[in-house]
Amino acid sequence: MAEGRELEGLQSLGKKTEYRSDYAPEVLETFVNKHQENDYWVRFNCPEFTSLCPITGQPDFAEIRISYIPDVRMVESKSLKLYLFSFRNHGDFHEDCVNKIMKDLIKLMDPKYIEVTGIFTPRGGISIYPYANYGRPGTKWEELAWKRMCEHE
């Protein structure tokens, strides 16, 4: 089993976890989708996401929800965890974190469709829930992205 992972070039899975001290998209890894003939959802929830306010340096806490429809490549979950944890000492606004996560995952695996939601805990009596999505241009997935954006609450 380990040989199969090594053949796919996965570096993090099954090894000692090393946490990065700042934003690290280079830790993201992929593997081949074995069910490319099927359209299906993959969902990740990270209920312990933290980042820093770029103005005050105070911590912000959120649940990050990522849902995508894969094509050829899929994100490896341990590398995704390490990537999301790399925001811990990174200063960005909530909206920037959500968009950066989505764009990094698009660049990494070129999914058919992806959406990222940040459910940030209140600061100063107000909550912020940024949502970003993407559907591959010129396909039904682009139409799905527009539909889900228009219906987003």
C-alpha atoms as a PDB file:
ATOM      1  CA  MET A   1       0.000   0.000   0.000  1.00  0.00           C
ATOM      2  CA  ALA A   2       2.765   2.480   0.880  1.00  0.00           C
ATOM      3  CA  GLU A   3       4.456   1.711  -2.432  1.00  0.00           C
ATOM      4  CA  GLY A   4       1.337   2.862  -4.312  1.00  0.00           C
ATOM      5  CA  ARG A   5       1.325   6.192  -2.467  1.00  0.00           C
ATOM      6  CA  GLU A   6       5.030   6.694  -3.118  1.00  0.00           C
ATOM      7  CA  LEU A   7       4.495   5.971  -6.809  1.00  0.00           C
ATOM      8  CA  GLU A   8       1.913   8.748  -6.889  1.00  0.00           C
ATOM      9  CA  GLY A   9       4.477  11.126  -5.398  1.00  0.00           C
ATOM     10  CA  LEU A  10       2.695  11.709  -2.083  1.00  0.00           C
ATOM     11  CA  GLN A  11       5.132  13.020   0.508  1.00  0.00           C
ATOM     12  CA  SER A  12       3.064  13.705   3.657  1.00  0.00           C
ATOM     13  CA  LEU A  13       0.819  10.683   4.061  1.00  0.00           C
ATOM     14  CA  GLY A  14       2.203   8.157   6.541  1.00  0.00           C
ATOM     15  CA  LYS A  15       5.089  10.352   7.660  1.00  0.00           C
ATOM     16  CA  LYS A  16       5.750  12.494  10.733  1.00  0.00           C
ATOM     17  CA  THR A  17       3.685  15.672  10.545  1.00  0.00           C
ATOM     18  CA  GLU A  18       5.636  18.890  10.215  1.00  0.00           C
ATOM     19  CA  TYR A  19       3.570  22.044  10.631  1.00  0.00           C
ATOM     20  CA  ARG A  20       4.544  25.125   8.650  1.00  0.00           C
ATOM     21  CA  SER A  21       4.715  28.500  10.369  1.00  0.00           C
ATOM     22  CA  ASP A  22       3.158  30.531   7.525  1.00  0.00           C
ATOM     23  CA  TYR A  23       1.022  30.170   4.395  1.00  0.00           C
ATOM     24  CA  ALA A  24       2.367  27.181   2.457  1.00  0.00           C
ATOM     25  CA  PRO A  25       0.508  26.181  -0.731  1.00  0.00           C
ATOM     26  CA  GLU A  26       3.495  24.052  -1.736  1.00  0.00           C
ATOM     27  CA  VAL A  27       2.457  21.382   0.808  1.00  0.00           C
ATOM     28  CA  LEU A  28      -0.664  20.518  -1.228  1.00  0.00           C
ATOM     29  CA  GLU A  29      -0.544  17.153  -2.995  1.00  0.00           C
ATOM     30  CA  THR A  30      -2.825  15.295  -5.382  1.00  0.00           C
ATOM     31  CA  PHE A  31      -3.571  11.761  -6.465  1.00  0.00           C
ATOM     32  CA  VAL A  32      -5.379  10.321  -9.478  1.00  0.00           C
ATOM     33  CA  ASN A  33      -9.183  10.101  -9.318  1.00  0.00           C
ATOM     34  CA  LYS A  34     -10.011   6.423  -9.858  1.00  0.00           C
ATOM     35  CA  HIS A  35     -13.615   7.234 -10.791  1.00  0.00           C
ATOM     36  CA  GLN A  36     -13.224   9.869 -13.485  1.00  0.00           C
ATOM     37  CA  GLU A  37     -16.247   8.496 -15.353  1.00  0.00           C
ATOM     38  CA  ASN A  38     -18.502   9.526 -12.416  1.00  0.00           C
ATOM     39  CA  ASP A  39     -19.519  12.986 -11.308  1.00  0.00           C
ATOM     40  CA  TYR A  40     -19.548  13.073  -7.509  1.00  0.00           C
ATOM     41  CA  TRP A  41     -19.024  15.461  -4.610  1.00  0.00           C
ATOM     42  CA  VAL A  42     -16.085  15.460  -2.229  1.00  0.00           C
ATOM     43  CA  ARG A  43     -16.491  17.553   0.908  1.00  0.00           C
ATOM     44  CA  PHE A  44     -13.988  18.581   3.556  1.00  0.00           C
ATOM     45  CA  ASN A  45     -14.794  20.399   6.795  1.00  0.00           C
ATOM     46  CA  CYS A  46     -12.051  22.044   8.804  1.00  0.00           C
ATOM     47  CA  PRO A  47     -13.740  23.223  12.031  1.00  0.00           C
ATOM     48  CA  GLU A  48     -10.474  24.455  13.579  1.00  0.00           C
ATOM     49  CA  PHE A  49      -9.241  26.904  10.932  1.00  0.00           C
ATOM     50  CA  THR A  50      -7.364  29.911  12.268  1.00  0.00           C
ATOM     51  CA  SER A  51      -5.698  32.886  10.664  1.00  0.00           C
ATOM     52  CA  LEU A  52      -4.605  36.305  11.855  1.00  0.00           C
ATOM     53  CA  CYS A  53      -6.237  39.660  11.311  1.00  0.00           C
ATOM     54  CA  PRO A  54      -3.808  41.551   9.040  1.00  0.00           C
ATOM     55  CA  ILE A  55      -4.478  44.791  10.948  1.00  0.00           C
ATOM     56  CA  THR A  56      -4.521  43.792  14.632  1.00  0.00           C
ATOM     57  CA  GLY A  57      -2.684  40.457  14.504  1.00  0.00           C
ATOM     58  CA  GLN A  58      -5.452  38.908  16.602  1.00  0.00           C
ATOM     59  CA  PRO A  59      -6.541  35.360  15.776  1.00  0.00           C
ATOM     60  CA  ASP A  60      -9.644  34.664  13.726  1.00  0.00           C
ATOM     61  CA  PHE A  61     -11.409  31.309  14.029  1.00  0.00           C
ATOM     62  CA  ALA A  62     -13.579  29.594  11.442  1.00  0.00           C
ATOM     63  CA  GLU A  63     -14.937  26.422   9.976  1.00  0.00           C
ATOM     64  CA  ILE A  64     -13.797  26.108   6.378  1.00  0.00           C
ATOM     65  CA  ARG A  65     -16.027  23.992   4.136  1.00  0.00           C
ATOM     66  CA  ILE A  66     -14.685  22.830   0.793  1.00  0.00           C
ATOM     67  CA  SER A  67     -16.851  20.933  -1.690  1.00  0.00           C
ATOM     68  CA  TYR A  68     -15.729  19.957  -5.149  1.00  0.00           C
ATOM     69  CA  ILE A  69     -16.465  17.727  -8.130  1.00  0.00           C
ATOM     70  CA  PRO A  70     -13.148  16.189  -9.172  1.00  0.00           C
ATOM     71  CA  ASP A  71     -11.859  15.542 -12.647  1.00  0.00           C
ATOM     72  CA  VAL A  72      -8.480  13.828 -13.079  1.00  0.00           C
ATOM     73  CA  ARG A  73      -6.717  14.890  -9.864  1.00  0.00           C
ATOM     74  CA  MET A  74      -7.926  14.987  -6.253  1.00  0.00           C
ATOM     75  CA  VAL A  75      -6.437  16.719  -3.231  1.00  0.00           C
ATOM     76  CA  GLU A  76      -4.835  14.453  -0.651  1.00  0.00           C
ATOM     77  CA  SER A  77      -6.480  15.075   2.741  1.00  0.00           C
ATOM     78  CA  LYS A  78      -3.399  15.211   4.984  1.00  0.00           C
ATOM     79  CA  SER A  79      -1.717  17.730   2.695  1.00  0.00           C
ATOM     80  CA  LEU A  80      -4.950  19.769   2.712  1.00  0.00           C
ATOM     81  CA  LYS A  81      -4.921  19.727   6.523  1.00  0.00           C
ATOM     82  CA  LEU A  82      -1.313  20.927   6.598  1.00  0.00           C
ATOM     83  CA  TYR A  83      -2.124  23.622   4.038  1.00  0.00           C
ATOM     84  CA  LEU A  84      -5.134  24.893   5.994  1.00  0.00           C
ATOM     85  CA  PHE A  85      -3.123  24.858   9.237  1.00  0.00           C
ATOM     86  CA  SER A  86      -0.438  26.945   7.508  1.00  0.00           C
ATOM     87  CA  PHE A  87      -2.826  29.922   7.685  1.00  0.00           C
ATOM     88  CA  ARG A  88      -2.483  29.895  11.490  1.00  0.00           C
ATOM     89  CA  ASN A  89       0.183  32.643  11.529  1.00  0.00           C
ATOM     90  CA  HIS A  90      -0.850  34.217   8.240  1.00  0.00           C
ATOM     91  CA  GLY A  91      -2.508  37.619   8.164  1.00  0.00           C
ATOM     92  CA  ASP A  92      -5.410  37.892   5.718  1.00  0.00           C
ATOM     93  CA  PHE A  93      -8.989  39.098   5.812  1.00  0.00           C
ATOM     94  CA  HIS A  94     -11.704  36.416   5.910  1.00  0.00           C
ATOM     95  CA  GLU A  95     -12.708  36.966   2.286  1.00  0.00           C
ATOM     96  CA  ASP A  96      -9.084  36.739   1.172  1.00  0.00           C
ATOM     97  CA  CYS A  97      -8.560  33.425   2.970  1.00  0.00           C
ATOM     98  CA  VAL A  98     -11.597  31.847   1.296  1.00  0.00           C
ATOM     99  CA  ASN A  99     -10.665  33.079  -2.184  1.00  0.00           C
ATOM    100  CA  LYS A 100      -7.007  32.128  -1.766  1.00  0.00           C
ATOM    101  CA  ILE A 101      -7.957  28.594  -0.689  1.00  0.00           C
ATOM    102  CA  MET A 102     -10.276  28.196  -3.674  1.00  0.00           C
ATOM    103  CA  LYS A 103      -7.720  29.524  -6.184  1.00  0.00           C
ATOM    104  CA  ASP A 104      -4.920  27.359  -4.791  1.00  0.00           C
ATOM    105  CA  LEU A 105      -7.112  24.248  -5.096  1.00  0.00           C
ATOM    106  CA  ILE A 106      -8.152  25.145  -8.647  1.00  0.00           C
ATOM    107  CA  LYS A 107      -4.505  25.577  -9.615  1.00  0.00           C
ATOM    108  CA  LEU A 108      -3.606  22.299  -7.880  1.00  0.00           C
ATOM    109  CA  MET A 109      -6.210  19.925  -9.281  1.00  0.00           C
ATOM    110  CA  ASP A 110      -8.312  21.692 -11.957  1.00  0.00           C
ATOM    111  CA  PRO A 111     -11.660  20.424 -10.627  1.00  0.00           C
ATOM    112  CA  LYS A 112     -14.870  20.523 -12.634  1.00  0.00           C
ATOM    113  CA  TYR A 113     -16.480  22.562  -9.859  1.00  0.00           C
ATOM    114  CA  ILE A 114     -15.447  23.835  -6.418  1.00  0.00           C
ATOM    115  CA  GLU A 115     -16.885  25.975  -3.642  1.00  0.00           C
ATOM    116  CA  VAL A 116     -15.337  27.205  -0.416  1.00  0.00           C
ATOM    117  CA  THR A 117     -17.209  28.702   2.538  1.00  0.00           C
ATOM    118  CA  GLY A 118     -15.719  30.292   5.631  1.00  0.00           C
ATOM    119  CA  ILE A 119     -17.915  30.364   8.726  1.00  0.00           C
ATOM    120  CA  PHE A 120     -15.963  32.761  10.918  1.00  0.00           C
ATOM    121  CA  THR A 121     -16.811  33.263  14.572  1.00  0.00           C
ATOM    122  CA  PRO A 122     -18.038  36.723  15.569  1.00  0.00           C
ATOM    123  CA  ARG A 123     -15.597  39.542  16.235  1.00  0.00           C
ATOM    124  CA  GLY A 124     -16.951  42.798  17.547  1.00  0.00           C
ATOM    125  CA  GLY A 125     -20.468  41.398  17.448  1.00  0.00           C
ATOM    126  CA  ILE A 126     -20.541  40.495  13.741  1.00  0.00           C
ATOM    127  CA  SER A 127     -19.981  37.246  11.855  1.00  0.00           C
ATOM    128  CA  ILE A 128     -18.592  37.014   8.336  1.00  0.00           C
ATOM    129  CA  TYR A 129     -19.361  34.013   6.107  1.00  0.00           C
ATOM    130  CA  PRO A 130     -17.531  34.484   2.785  1.00  0.00           C
ATOM    131  CA  TYR A 131     -18.408  32.091  -0.044  1.00  0.00           C
ATOM    132  CA  ALA A 132     -16.574  31.623  -3.341  1.00  0.00           C
ATOM    133  CA  ASN A 133     -17.149  29.152  -6.143  1.00  0.00           C
ATOM    134  CA  TYR A 134     -15.862  28.206  -9.578  1.00  0.00           C
ATOM    135  CA  GLY A 135     -17.104  26.082 -12.445  1.00  0.00           C
ATOM    136  CA  ARG A 136     -14.903  25.170 -15.377  1.00  0.00           C
ATOM    137  CA  PRO A 137     -15.490  27.818 -18.090  1.00  0.00           C
ATOM    138  CA  GLY A 138     -17.550  26.819 -21.114  1.00  0.00           C
ATOM    139  CA  THR A 139     -19.066  23.765 -19.424  1.00  0.00           C
ATOM    140  CA  LYS A 140     -22.194  22.877 -17.466  1.00  0.00           C
ATOM    141  CA  TRP A 141     -20.043  23.389 -14.356  1.00  0.00           C
ATOM    142  CA  GLU A 142     -19.783  27.096 -15.113  1.00  0.00           C
ATOM    143  CA  GLU A 143     -23.585  27.183 -15.221  1.00  0.00           C
ATOM    144  CA  LEU A 144     -23.744  25.318 -11.896  1.00  0.00           C
ATOM    145  CA  ALA A 145     -21.396  27.883 -10.328  1.00  0.00           C
ATOM    146  CA  TRP A 146     -23.614  30.755 -11.463  1.00  0.00           C
ATOM    147  CA  LYS A 147     -26.773  28.989 -10.259  1.00  0.00           C
ATOM    148  CA  ARG A 148     -25.303  28.198  -6.829  1.00  0.00           C
ATOM    149  CA  MET A 149     -23.985  31.746  -6.507  1.00  0.00           C
ATOM    150  CA  CYS A 150     -27.406  33.213  -7.310  1.00  0.00           C
ATOM    151  CA  GLU A 151     -29.120  30.875  -4.841  1.00  0.00           C
ATOM    152  CA  HIS A 152     -26.523  31.263  -2.091  1.00  0.00           C
ATOM    153  CA  GLU A 153     -27.918  32.555   1.163  1.00  0.00           C
END
